[in-house]
Amino acid sequence: MLALSQKWAAWLVSQPETGMGYWLATIHLVDGRKFERTIIDSGYITKVGESRKIPFEEADIARIIVESGQR
């Protein structure tokens, strides 16, 4: 799990939730990589795709795009 700071937490609460207390998002990193189907639950990144291993740090995140709903 990766805890997100207040910077991202404040932004996330302004976004519609995908489900009760969580968001499905695409994470864009400063180096250009992106990680789709990322689960953010209660301020923590808990899953990237099917993996619970988080392959980046918060400092690497350039933006978070919340999906409009589940696929």
C-alpha atoms as a PDB file:
ATOM      1  CA  MET A   1       0.000   0.000   0.000  1.00  0.00           C
ATOM      2  CA  LEU A   2       1.037   3.550  -0.633  1.00  0.00           C
ATOM      3  CA  ALA A   3      -0.404   6.317   1.549  1.00  0.00           C
ATOM      4  CA  LEU A   4      -1.215   9.506  -0.310  1.00  0.00           C
ATOM      5  CA  SER A   5      -0.509  12.880   1.274  1.00  0.00           C
ATOM      6  CA  GLN A   6      -3.042  15.605   1.944  1.00  0.00           C
ATOM      7  CA  LYS A   7      -2.230  17.074  -1.489  1.00  0.00           C
ATOM      8  CA  TRP A   8      -3.827  14.134  -3.284  1.00  0.00           C
ATOM      9  CA  ALA A   9      -6.386  13.348  -0.588  1.00  0.00           C
ATOM     10  CA  ALA A  10      -7.934  16.807  -0.857  1.00  0.00           C
ATOM     11  CA  TRP A  11      -8.156  16.479  -4.635  1.00  0.00           C
ATOM     12  CA  LEU A  12      -9.596  12.956  -4.515  1.00  0.00           C
ATOM     13  CA  VAL A  13     -12.473  13.896  -2.227  1.00  0.00           C
ATOM     14  CA  SER A  14     -13.564  16.434  -4.843  1.00  0.00           C
ATOM     15  CA  GLN A  15     -13.902  13.604  -7.394  1.00  0.00           C
ATOM     16  CA  PRO A  16     -16.870  11.231  -7.640  1.00  0.00           C
ATOM     17  CA  GLU A  17     -16.172   7.888  -6.019  1.00  0.00           C
ATOM     18  CA  THR A  18     -16.205   4.754  -8.154  1.00  0.00           C
ATOM     19  CA  GLY A  19     -17.692   2.884  -5.218  1.00  0.00           C
ATOM     20  CA  MET A  20     -18.177   3.328  -1.501  1.00  0.00           C
ATOM     21  CA  GLY A  21     -14.946   5.011  -0.340  1.00  0.00           C
ATOM     22  CA  TYR A  22     -12.743   4.095  -3.298  1.00  0.00           C
ATOM     23  CA  TRP A  23     -11.684   5.350  -6.703  1.00  0.00           C
ATOM     24  CA  LEU A  24     -10.587   3.529  -9.841  1.00  0.00           C
ATOM     25  CA  ALA A  25      -7.940   5.681 -11.491  1.00  0.00           C
ATOM     26  CA  THR A  26      -5.116   5.974 -13.978  1.00  0.00           C
ATOM     27  CA  ILE A  27      -1.883   7.212 -12.430  1.00  0.00           C
ATOM     28  CA  HIS A  28       0.405   9.266 -14.684  1.00  0.00           C
ATOM     29  CA  LEU A  29       4.018   9.522 -13.565  1.00  0.00           C
ATOM     30  CA  VAL A  30       6.452  12.351 -14.185  1.00  0.00           C
ATOM     31  CA  ASP A  31       8.597  10.016 -16.339  1.00  0.00           C
ATOM     32  CA  GLY A  32       5.677   9.431 -18.740  1.00  0.00           C
ATOM     33  CA  ARG A  33       4.600   5.975 -17.567  1.00  0.00           C
ATOM     34  CA  LYS A  34       0.991   5.378 -16.682  1.00  0.00           C
ATOM     35  CA  PHE A  35      -0.746   2.751 -14.607  1.00  0.00           C
ATOM     36  CA  GLU A  36      -4.378   2.022 -15.397  1.00  0.00           C
ATOM     37  CA  ARG A  37      -6.926   0.326 -13.148  1.00  0.00           C
ATOM     38  CA  THR A  38      -5.319   1.593  -9.967  1.00  0.00           C
ATOM     39  CA  ILE A  39      -7.445   1.297  -6.834  1.00  0.00           C
ATOM     40  CA  ILE A  40      -7.297   4.117  -4.301  1.00  0.00           C
ATOM     41  CA  ASP A  41      -9.128   3.225  -1.094  1.00  0.00           C
ATOM     42  CA  SER A  42      -9.462   5.612   1.843  1.00  0.00           C
ATOM     43  CA  GLY A  43      -6.376   7.599   0.807  1.00  0.00           C
ATOM     44  CA  TYR A  44      -4.171   4.593   0.011  1.00  0.00           C
ATOM     45  CA  ILE A  45      -3.176   3.162  -3.347  1.00  0.00           C
ATOM     46  CA  THR A  46      -3.924  -0.499  -2.679  1.00  0.00           C
ATOM     47  CA  LYS A  47      -3.683  -2.142  -6.109  1.00  0.00           C
ATOM     48  CA  VAL A  48      -2.198  -1.428  -9.530  1.00  0.00           C
ATOM     49  CA  GLY A  49      -3.957  -3.602 -12.073  1.00  0.00           C
ATOM     50  CA  GLU A  50      -4.045  -7.053 -10.508  1.00  0.00           C
ATOM     51  CA  SER A  51      -0.947  -6.480  -8.370  1.00  0.00           C
ATOM     52  CA  ARG A  52      -0.752  -5.292  -4.791  1.00  0.00           C
ATOM     53  CA  LYS A  53       2.866  -4.213  -5.418  1.00  0.00           C
ATOM     54  CA  ILE A  54       3.004  -0.454  -6.013  1.00  0.00           C
ATOM     55  CA  PRO A  55       5.818   0.225  -8.542  1.00  0.00           C
ATOM     56  CA  PHE A  56       6.207   3.947  -7.773  1.00  0.00           C
ATOM     57  CA  GLU A  57       6.374   6.480  -4.933  1.00  0.00           C
ATOM     58  CA  GLU A  58       4.056   9.413  -4.358  1.00  0.00           C
ATOM     59  CA  ALA A  59       6.773  11.851  -5.511  1.00  0.00           C
ATOM     60  CA  ASP A  60       6.663  10.124  -8.931  1.00  0.00           C
ATOM     61  CA  ILE A  61       2.969  10.972  -9.499  1.00  0.00           C
ATOM     62  CA  ALA A  62       2.269  13.781 -11.963  1.00  0.00           C
ATOM     63  CA  ARG A  63      -1.515  13.388 -12.027  1.00  0.00           C
ATOM     64  CA  ILE A  64      -4.344  11.092 -11.134  1.00  0.00           C
ATOM     65  CA  ILE A  65      -7.259  10.623 -13.508  1.00  0.00           C
ATOM     66  CA  VAL A  66     -10.323   9.121 -11.858  1.00  0.00           C
ATOM     67  CA  GLU A  67     -12.280   6.763 -14.114  1.00  0.00           C
ATOM     68  CA  SER A  68     -15.942   7.554 -14.625  1.00  0.00           C
ATOM     69  CA  GLY A  69     -17.002   4.115 -13.420  1.00  0.00           C
ATOM     70  CA  GLN A  70     -16.080   0.455 -13.279  1.00  0.00           C
ATOM     71  CA  ARG A  71     -15.306  -1.443 -16.456  1.00  0.00           C
END
